[in-house]
C-alpha atoms as a PDB file:
ATOM      1  CA  UNK A   1      79.563 114.652 108.313  1.00  0.00           C
ATOM      2  CA  UNK A   2      82.416 116.749 109.635  1.00  0.00           C
ATOM      3  CA  UNK A   3      85.437 116.599 111.913  1.00  0.00           C
ATOM      4  CA  UNK A   4      85.446 120.354 112.486  1.00  0.00           C
ATOM      5  CA  UNK A   5      86.377 121.162 116.099  1.00  0.00           C
ATOM      6  CA  UNK A   6      86.645 117.450 116.941  1.00  0.00           C
ATOM      7  CA  UNK A   7      89.721 116.348 118.908  1.00  0.00           C
ATOM      8  CA  UNK A   8      91.698 113.699 117.043  1.00  0.00           C
ATOM      9  CA  UNK A   9      94.772 111.861 118.272  1.00  0.00           C
ATOM     10  CA  UNK A  10      96.838 110.195 115.549  1.00  0.00           C
ATOM     11  CA  UNK A  11      99.622 107.777 116.441  1.00  0.00           C
ATOM     12  CA  UNK A  12     102.792 107.547 114.387  1.00  0.00           C
ATOM     13  CA  UNK A  13     101.907 110.924 112.921  1.00  0.00           C
ATOM     14  CA  UNK A  14     105.302 112.625 112.714  1.00  0.00           C
ATOM     15  CA  UNK A  15     105.898 111.169 109.252  1.00  0.00           C
ATOM     16  CA  UNK A  16     104.474 109.023 106.469  1.00  0.00           C
ATOM     17  CA  UNK A  17     100.803 108.076 106.365  1.00  0.00           C
ATOM     18  CA  UNK A  18     100.168 109.443 109.854  1.00  0.00           C
ATOM     19  CA  UNK A  19     101.450 112.880 108.909  1.00  0.00           C
ATOM     20  CA  UNK A  20      99.317 112.822 105.771  1.00  0.00           C
ATOM     21  CA  UNK A  21      96.236 111.999 107.832  1.00  0.00           C
ATOM     22  CA  UNK A  22      97.070 114.740 110.323  1.00  0.00           C
ATOM     23  CA  UNK A  23      97.454 117.235 107.477  1.00  0.00           C
ATOM     24  CA  UNK A  24      94.023 116.312 106.116  1.00  0.00           C
ATOM     25  CA  UNK A  25      92.370 116.531 109.528  1.00  0.00           C
ATOM     26  CA  UNK A  26      93.841 119.959 110.293  1.00  0.00           C
ATOM     27  CA  UNK A  27      92.665 121.183 106.882  1.00  0.00           C
ATOM     28  CA  UNK A  28      89.182 119.872 107.730  1.00  0.00           C
ATOM     29  CA  UNK A  29      89.089 121.894 110.962  1.00  0.00           C
ATOM     30  CA  UNK A  30      89.906 119.251 113.559  1.00  0.00           C
ATOM     31  CA  UNK A  31      92.082 119.731 116.609  1.00  0.00           C
ATOM     32  CA  UNK A  32      94.915 117.263 116.146  1.00  0.00           C
ATOM     33  CA  UNK A  33      97.385 115.675 118.560  1.00  0.00           C
ATOM     34  CA  UNK A  34     100.478 114.305 116.821  1.00  0.00           C
ATOM     35  CA  UNK A  35     101.486 111.261 118.891  1.00  0.00           C
ATOM     36  CA  UNK A  36     104.824 109.710 118.038  1.00  0.00           C
ATOM     37  CA  UNK A  37     107.777 107.879 119.524  1.00  0.00           C
ATOM     38  CA  UNK A  38     109.845 110.803 118.211  1.00  0.00           C
ATOM     39  CA  UNK A  39     108.741 113.738 120.392  1.00  0.00           C
ATOM     40  CA  UNK A  40     110.845 116.283 118.501  1.00  0.00           C
ATOM     41  CA  UNK A  41     109.281 115.096 115.248  1.00  0.00           C
ATOM     42  CA  UNK A  42     105.793 115.244 116.741  1.00  0.00           C
ATOM     43  CA  UNK A  43     106.301 118.804 117.967  1.00  0.00           C
ATOM     44  CA  UNK A  44     107.827 119.882 114.650  1.00  0.00           C
ATOM     45  CA  UNK A  45     104.914 118.379 112.702  1.00  0.00           C
ATOM     46  CA  UNK A  46     102.378 120.043 114.984  1.00  0.00           C
ATOM     47  CA  UNK A  47     104.049 123.426 114.459  1.00  0.00           C
ATOM     48  CA  UNK A  48     104.289 122.846 110.718  1.00  0.00           C
ATOM     49  CA  UNK A  49     100.561 122.116 110.457  1.00  0.00           C
ATOM     50  CA  UNK A  50      99.536 125.010 112.697  1.00  0.00           C
ATOM     51  CA  UNK A  51     102.272 127.530 113.563  1.00  0.00           C
ATOM     52  CA  UNK A  52      99.892 129.263 115.989  1.00  0.00           C
ATOM     53  CA  UNK A  53      99.702 126.134 118.132  1.00  0.00           C
ATOM     54  CA  UNK A  54      95.972 126.644 118.661  1.00  0.00           C
ATOM     55  CA  UNK A  55      94.751 123.476 116.963  1.00  0.00           C
ATOM     56  CA  UNK A  56      97.691 121.071 117.163  1.00  0.00           C
ATOM     57  CA  UNK A  57     100.041 119.627 119.733  1.00  0.00           C
ATOM     58  CA  UNK A  58     102.816 117.045 119.824  1.00  0.00           C
ATOM     59  CA  UNK A  59     102.949 114.274 122.396  1.00  0.00           C
ATOM     60  CA  UNK A  60     105.546 111.587 123.081  1.00  0.00           C
ATOM     61  CA  UNK A  61     104.078 108.122 122.823  1.00  0.00           C
ATOM     62  CA  UNK A  62     105.498 104.644 122.640  1.00  0.00           C
ATOM     63  CA  UNK A  63     102.218 102.892 121.865  1.00  0.00           C
ATOM     64  CA  UNK A  64     103.470  99.641 123.398  1.00  0.00           C
ATOM     65  CA  UNK A  65     104.141 101.348 126.757  1.00  0.00           C
ATOM     66  CA  UNK A  66     101.039 101.319 128.953  1.00  0.00           C
ATOM     67  CA  UNK A  67     102.074 104.187 131.227  1.00  0.00           C
ATOM     68  CA  UNK A  68     103.138 106.380 128.326  1.00  0.00           C
ATOM     69  CA  UNK A  69      99.925 105.751 126.403  1.00  0.00           C
ATOM     70  CA  UNK A  70      97.689 106.522 129.368  1.00  0.00           C
ATOM     71  CA  UNK A  71      99.666 109.645 130.253  1.00  0.00           C
ATOM     72  CA  UNK A  72      99.773 110.890 126.665  1.00  0.00           C
ATOM     73  CA  UNK A  73      96.073 110.445 125.985  1.00  0.00           C
ATOM     74  CA  UNK A  74      95.149 111.983 129.327  1.00  0.00           C
ATOM     75  CA  UNK A  75      97.371 114.959 128.460  1.00  0.00           C
ATOM     76  CA  UNK A  76      95.690 115.417 125.089  1.00  0.00           C
ATOM     77  CA  UNK A  77      92.223 115.195 126.635  1.00  0.00           C
ATOM     78  CA  UNK A  78      93.111 117.745 129.309  1.00  0.00           C
ATOM     79  CA  UNK A  79      94.678 120.250 126.912  1.00  0.00           C
ATOM     80  CA  UNK A  80      92.315 119.893 123.960  1.00  0.00           C
ATOM     81  CA  UNK A  81      89.005 119.197 125.647  1.00  0.00           C
ATOM     82  CA  UNK A  82      88.516 115.452 125.380  1.00  0.00           C
ATOM     83  CA  UNK A  83      89.034 112.766 122.764  1.00  0.00           C
ATOM     84  CA  UNK A  84      86.621 112.394 119.843  1.00  0.00           C
ATOM     85  CA  UNK A  85      88.705 110.479 117.301  1.00  0.00           C
ATOM     86  CA  UNK A  86      91.539 107.985 117.623  1.00  0.00           C
ATOM     87  CA  UNK A  87      93.556 106.990 114.556  1.00  0.00           C
ATOM     88  CA  UNK A  88      95.718 103.936 115.373  1.00  0.00           C
ATOM     89  CA  UNK A  89      98.401 104.323 112.741  1.00  0.00           C
ATOM     90  CA  UNK A  90     101.735 103.560 114.417  1.00  0.00           C
ATOM     91  CA  UNK A  91     103.469 100.538 112.957  1.00  0.00           C
ATOM     92  CA  UNK A  92     106.685  98.952 111.738  1.00  0.00           C
ATOM     93  CA  UNK A  93     107.623  96.313 109.195  1.00  0.00           C
ATOM     94  CA  UNK A  94     110.212  93.541 109.265  1.00  0.00           C
ATOM     95  CA  UNK A  95     110.492  90.976 106.484  1.00  0.00           C
ATOM     96  CA  UNK A  96     112.065  87.505 106.611  1.00  0.00           C
ATOM     97  CA  UNK A  97     111.135  83.887 105.860  1.00  0.00           C
ATOM     98  CA  UNK A  98     109.069  82.395 108.669  1.00  0.00           C
ATOM     99  CA  UNK A  99     111.581  79.645 109.417  1.00  0.00           C
ATOM    100  CA  UNK A 100     114.284  82.277 109.917  1.00  0.00           C
ATOM    101  CA  UNK A 101     112.184  84.917 111.689  1.00  0.00           C
ATOM    102  CA  UNK A 102     113.695  86.223 114.914  1.00  0.00           C
ATOM    103  CA  UNK A 103     111.305  85.759 117.853  1.00  0.00           C
ATOM    104  CA  UNK A 104     112.275  89.107 119.335  1.00  0.00           C
ATOM    105  CA  UNK A 105     111.363  90.858 116.083  1.00  0.00           C
ATOM    106  CA  UNK A 106     108.083  88.929 115.947  1.00  0.00           C
ATOM    107  CA  UNK A 107     107.164  90.074 119.471  1.00  0.00           C
ATOM    108  CA  UNK A 108     108.222  93.668 118.780  1.00  0.00           C
ATOM    109  CA  UNK A 109     106.068  93.961 115.669  1.00  0.00           C
ATOM    110  CA  UNK A 110     102.997  92.424 117.307  1.00  0.00           C
ATOM    111  CA  UNK A 111     103.486  94.592 120.374  1.00  0.00           C
ATOM    112  CA  UNK A 112     103.512  97.832 118.389  1.00  0.00           C
ATOM    113  CA  UNK A 113     100.590  96.902 116.156  1.00  0.00           C
ATOM    114  CA  UNK A 114      98.331  94.968 118.524  1.00  0.00           C
ATOM    115  CA  UNK A 115      99.335  95.982 122.047  1.00  0.00           C
ATOM    116  CA  UNK A 116      99.519  99.550 120.759  1.00  0.00           C
ATOM    117  CA  UNK A 117      96.028  99.371 119.291  1.00  0.00           C
ATOM    118  CA  UNK A 118      94.652  97.874 122.502  1.00  0.00           C
ATOM    119  CA  UNK A 119      96.312 100.378 124.828  1.00  0.00           C
ATOM    120  CA  UNK A 120      95.398 103.479 122.822  1.00  0.00           C
ATOM    121  CA  UNK A 121      91.865 102.178 122.316  1.00  0.00           C
ATOM    122  CA  UNK A 122      91.343 101.475 126.010  1.00  0.00           C
ATOM    123  CA  UNK A 123      92.657 104.876 127.066  1.00  0.00           C
ATOM    124  CA  UNK A 124      90.571 106.683 124.460  1.00  0.00           C
ATOM    125  CA  UNK A 125      87.377 104.759 125.222  1.00  0.00           C
ATOM    126  CA  UNK A 126      87.587 105.779 128.861  1.00  0.00           C
ATOM    127  CA  UNK A 127      87.380 109.419 127.789  1.00  0.00           C
ATOM    128  CA  UNK A 128      84.800 108.851 125.032  1.00  0.00           C
ATOM    129  CA  UNK A 129      82.459 106.954 127.339  1.00  0.00           C
ATOM    130  CA  UNK A 130      82.782 109.546 130.101  1.00  0.00           C
ATOM    131  CA  UNK A 131      82.245 112.466 127.722  1.00  0.00           C
ATOM    132  CA  UNK A 132      78.997 111.032 126.385  1.00  0.00           C
ATOM    133  CA  UNK A 133      79.379 112.539 122.902  1.00  0.00           C
ATOM    134  CA  UNK A 134      80.326 109.403 121.001  1.00  0.00           C
ATOM    135  CA  UNK A 135      83.489 108.970 119.027  1.00  0.00           C
ATOM    136  CA  UNK A 136      85.301 107.231 116.203  1.00  0.00           C
ATOM    137  CA  UNK A 137      88.255 104.872 116.200  1.00  0.00           C
ATOM    138  CA  UNK A 138      90.001 104.096 112.930  1.00  0.00           C
ATOM    139  CA  UNK A 139      92.637 101.377 112.742  1.00  0.00           C
ATOM    140  CA  UNK A 140      95.289 101.412 110.041  1.00  0.00           C
ATOM    141  CA  UNK A 141      95.098  97.922 108.661  1.00  0.00           C
ATOM    142  CA  UNK A 142      96.392  96.831 105.273  1.00  0.00           C
ATOM    143  CA  UNK A 143      95.522  94.683 102.304  1.00  0.00           C
ATOM    144  CA  UNK A 144      97.394  92.243 104.532  1.00  0.00           C
ATOM    145  CA  UNK A 145      94.387  92.387 106.846  1.00  0.00           C
ATOM    146  CA  UNK A 146      92.695  90.388 104.083  1.00  0.00           C
ATOM    147  CA  UNK A 147      95.452  88.590 102.228  1.00  0.00           C
ATOM    148  CA  UNK A 148      98.854  87.096 102.990  1.00  0.00           C
ATOM    149  CA  UNK A 149     102.244  87.709 101.420  1.00  0.00           C
ATOM    150  CA  UNK A 150     105.471  85.793 101.850  1.00  0.00           C
ATOM    151  CA  UNK A 151     108.087  87.092 104.304  1.00  0.00           C
ATOM    152  CA  UNK A 152     105.521  88.998 106.388  1.00  0.00           C
ATOM    153  CA  UNK A 153     104.177  86.531 108.954  1.00  0.00           C
ATOM    154  CA  UNK A 154     103.916  88.871 111.992  1.00  0.00           C
ATOM    155  CA  UNK A 155     102.675  91.818 109.921  1.00  0.00           C
ATOM    156  CA  UNK A 156      99.913  89.761 108.299  1.00  0.00           C
ATOM    157  CA  UNK A 157      99.001  88.298 111.686  1.00  0.00           C
ATOM    158  CA  UNK A 158      98.819  91.729 113.304  1.00  0.00           C
ATOM    159  CA  UNK A 159      96.834  93.338 110.510  1.00  0.00           C
ATOM    160  CA  UNK A 160      94.295  90.503 110.538  1.00  0.00           C
ATOM    161  CA  UNK A 161      94.022  90.989 114.292  1.00  0.00           C
ATOM    162  CA  UNK A 162      93.073  94.648 113.958  1.00  0.00           C
ATOM    163  CA  UNK A 163      89.902  93.693 112.115  1.00  0.00           C
ATOM    164  CA  UNK A 164      88.895  91.447 114.997  1.00  0.00           C
ATOM    165  CA  UNK A 165      89.606  94.181 117.529  1.00  0.00           C
ATOM    166  CA  UNK A 166      87.583  96.725 115.550  1.00  0.00           C
ATOM    167  CA  UNK A 167      84.572  94.403 115.501  1.00  0.00           C
ATOM    168  CA  UNK A 168      84.672  93.991 119.278  1.00  0.00           C
ATOM    169  CA  UNK A 169      85.027  97.750 119.812  1.00  0.00           C
ATOM    170  CA  UNK A 170      82.119  98.323 117.417  1.00  0.00           C
ATOM    171  CA  UNK A 171      79.873  96.046 119.466  1.00  0.00           C
ATOM    172  CA  UNK A 172      80.956  97.287 122.891  1.00  0.00           C
ATOM    173  CA  UNK A 173      81.061 100.943 121.880  1.00  0.00           C
ATOM    174  CA  UNK A 174      77.720 101.112 120.087  1.00  0.00           C
ATOM    175  CA  UNK A 175      75.662 102.014 123.151  1.00  0.00           C
ATOM    176  CA  UNK A 176      78.078 104.902 123.763  1.00  0.00           C
ATOM    177  CA  UNK A 177      77.942 106.120 120.164  1.00  0.00           C
ATOM    178  CA  UNK A 178      81.519 104.983 119.507  1.00  0.00           C
ATOM    179  CA  UNK A 179      82.256 103.495 116.099  1.00  0.00           C
ATOM    180  CA  UNK A 180      85.307 101.475 115.032  1.00  0.00           C
ATOM    181  CA  UNK A 181      86.468 100.741 111.492  1.00  0.00           C
ATOM    182  CA  UNK A 182      89.598  99.693 109.622  1.00  0.00           C
ATOM    183  CA  UNK A 183      91.354 101.234 106.613  1.00  0.00           C
ATOM    184  CA  UNK A 184      93.185  98.635 104.499  1.00  0.00           C
ATOM    185  CA  UNK A 185      95.654 100.395 102.187  1.00  0.00           C
ATOM    186  CA  UNK A 186      97.687  98.795  99.471  1.00  0.00           C
ATOM    187  CA  UNK A 187     101.357  99.667  99.100  1.00  0.00           C
ATOM    188  CA  UNK A 188     101.888 103.347  99.910  1.00  0.00           C
ATOM    189  CA  UNK A 189     105.268 104.807  98.909  1.00  0.00           C
ATOM    190  CA  UNK A 190     106.529 105.818 102.331  1.00  0.00           C
ATOM    191  CA  UNK A 191     109.919 105.247 104.024  1.00  0.00           C
ATOM    192  CA  UNK A 192     108.442 102.060 105.520  1.00  0.00           C
ATOM    193  CA  UNK A 193     107.774 100.668 102.036  1.00  0.00           C
ATOM    194  CA  UNK A 194     111.027 102.000 100.595  1.00  0.00           C
ATOM    195  CA  UNK A 195     112.871 100.038 103.289  1.00  0.00           C
ATOM    196  CA  UNK A 196     111.134  96.818 102.232  1.00  0.00           C
ATOM    197  CA  UNK A 197     112.135  97.035  98.563  1.00  0.00           C
ATOM    198  CA  UNK A 198     115.841  96.121  98.955  1.00  0.00           C
ATOM    199  CA  UNK A 199     115.016  93.684 101.754  1.00  0.00           C
ATOM    200  CA  UNK A 200     112.555  91.787  99.577  1.00  0.00           C
ATOM    201  CA  UNK A 201     114.870  91.950  96.572  1.00  0.00           C
ATOM    202  CA  UNK A 202     117.573  90.262  98.625  1.00  0.00           C
ATOM    203  CA  UNK A 203     115.253  87.651 100.157  1.00  0.00           C
ATOM    204  CA  UNK A 204     113.578  86.784  96.842  1.00  0.00           C
ATOM    205  CA  UNK A 205     116.695  87.002  94.677  1.00  0.00           C
ATOM    206  CA  UNK A 206     115.244  89.565  92.267  1.00  0.00           C
ATOM    207  CA  UNK A 207     115.924  93.212  91.430  1.00  0.00           C
ATOM    208  CA  UNK A 208     114.344  96.134  93.265  1.00  0.00           C
ATOM    209  CA  UNK A 209     112.487  97.096  90.073  1.00  0.00           C
ATOM    210  CA  UNK A 210     111.035  93.590  89.940  1.00  0.00           C
ATOM    211  CA  UNK A 211     109.919  93.851  93.569  1.00  0.00           C
ATOM    212  CA  UNK A 212     107.964  96.994  92.727  1.00  0.00           C
ATOM    213  CA  UNK A 213     106.476  95.720  89.462  1.00  0.00           C
ATOM    214  CA  UNK A 214     105.963  92.030  90.148  1.00  0.00           C
ATOM    215  CA  UNK A 215     105.402  91.906  93.904  1.00  0.00           C
ATOM    216  CA  UNK A 216     104.067  95.208  95.202  1.00  0.00           C
ATOM    217  CA  UNK A 217     102.023  96.425  92.237  1.00  0.00           C
ATOM    218  CA  UNK A 218     101.416  93.254  90.260  1.00  0.00           C
ATOM    219  CA  UNK A 219      97.786  92.886  91.300  1.00  0.00           C
ATOM    220  CA  UNK A 220      96.739  96.543  91.048  1.00  0.00           C
ATOM    221  CA  UNK A 221      94.474  97.613  88.180  1.00  0.00           C
ATOM    222  CA  UNK A 222      96.822 100.371  87.035  1.00  0.00           C
ATOM    223  CA  UNK A 223     100.327  99.610  88.335  1.00  0.00           C
ATOM    224  CA  UNK A 224     100.149 102.542  90.729  1.00  0.00           C
ATOM    225  CA  UNK A 225     101.034 102.941  94.392  1.00  0.00           C
ATOM    226  CA  UNK A 226      98.254 103.976  96.764  1.00  0.00           C
ATOM    227  CA  UNK A 227      98.941 107.536  97.913  1.00  0.00           C
ATOM    228  CA  UNK A 228      99.010 109.041 101.385  1.00  0.00           C
ATOM    229  CA  UNK A 229      96.212 111.350 100.220  1.00  0.00           C
ATOM    230  CA  UNK A 230      94.073 108.334  99.254  1.00  0.00           C
ATOM    231  CA  UNK A 231      94.431 106.894 102.735  1.00  0.00           C
ATOM    232  CA  UNK A 232      93.807 110.238 104.442  1.00  0.00           C
ATOM    233  CA  UNK A 233      90.566 110.755 102.500  1.00  0.00           C
ATOM    234  CA  UNK A 234      89.269 107.317 103.498  1.00  0.00           C
ATOM    235  CA  UNK A 235      90.221 107.949 107.130  1.00  0.00           C
ATOM    236  CA  UNK A 236      88.349 111.260 107.132  1.00  0.00           C
ATOM    237  CA  UNK A 237      85.289 109.468 105.771  1.00  0.00           C
ATOM    238  CA  UNK A 238      85.232 106.906 108.582  1.00  0.00           C
ATOM    239  CA  UNK A 239      85.991 109.501 111.261  1.00  0.00           C
ATOM    240  CA  UNK A 240      83.249 111.861 110.141  1.00  0.00           C
ATOM    241  CA  UNK A 241      80.477 109.294 109.633  1.00  0.00           C
ATOM    242  CA  UNK A 242      78.327 109.862 112.711  1.00  0.00           C
ATOM    243  CA  UNK A 243      76.068 106.837 112.739  1.00  0.00           C
ATOM    244  CA  UNK A 244      76.342 103.246 113.928  1.00  0.00           C
ATOM    245  CA  UNK A 245      75.237 102.305 110.415  1.00  0.00           C
ATOM    246  CA  UNK A 246      78.934 102.250 109.528  1.00  0.00           C
ATOM    247  CA  UNK A 247      80.872 100.420 112.215  1.00  0.00           C
ATOM    248  CA  UNK A 248      82.887  97.213 112.451  1.00  0.00           C
ATOM    249  CA  UNK A 249      83.780  97.527 108.774  1.00  0.00           C
ATOM    250  CA  UNK A 250      86.955  97.542 106.719  1.00  0.00           C
ATOM    251  CA  UNK A 251      87.614  99.589 103.589  1.00  0.00           C
ATOM    252  CA  UNK A 252      90.257  98.513 101.080  1.00  0.00           C
ATOM    253  CA  UNK A 253      92.153 101.390  99.451  1.00  0.00           C
ATOM    254  CA  UNK A 254      94.544  99.618  97.130  1.00  0.00           C
ATOM    255  CA  UNK A 255      94.080 100.408  93.422  1.00  0.00           C
ATOM    256  CA  UNK A 256      92.387  97.030  93.156  1.00  0.00           C
ATOM    257  CA  UNK A 257      95.332  95.137  94.710  1.00  0.00           C
ATOM    258  CA  UNK A 258      92.726  93.181  96.662  1.00  0.00           C
ATOM    259  CA  UNK A 259      89.009  93.068  95.904  1.00  0.00           C
ATOM    260  CA  UNK A 260      86.175  91.642  97.993  1.00  0.00           C
END
């Protein structure tokens, strides 16, 4: 079980969880493409992880843009020698009561999470199938792939949808040796989560400290945030497992926030 010399493309990898996953994959010997809407950030992250430029590259990618996704993944495959692993990590968060939720924001969030997962999956599968050496796709879900929270209607909808997509990919990809699984993290202290704290405090009429203690971490076993390193380790596990014995599954990494 290894990702050494495998080509991995990670979306939304210029910062946050994506960057943490990229760091872990480079350390494990993979060749890593940092795909991000922010090209300068992607290039800077690639250079940071490997100053020699031999095992990393940055690529501009709006995951909701079909032409950009196809071009970016084709570029990675051409420069790095194919696509072995896709980590669908790009995402955003917007919180508001459902009866006040802006339709444009709803469509934008679903487009990034679901259209983005579809487009990057389709482009990657075309290379994986043609290569004939199998592959792994890991979707970044959430505890909200399993459970709902107030103020997060489109996010919960999208994260539930990723589990359905992974199951279809698992069934269609099996004969090609392609596996698909979902990581479901709890709250990870990233800029995305930091942004939610004051937003939820305002919407719920409570303090930011109460949001952290009584909303985000209330149901954990230890009152701790999930770490980027926790998520990266779980992602490495799914990506390196080379058998169809583990496909179409979801793994909750949440300090017990949600238990099945």
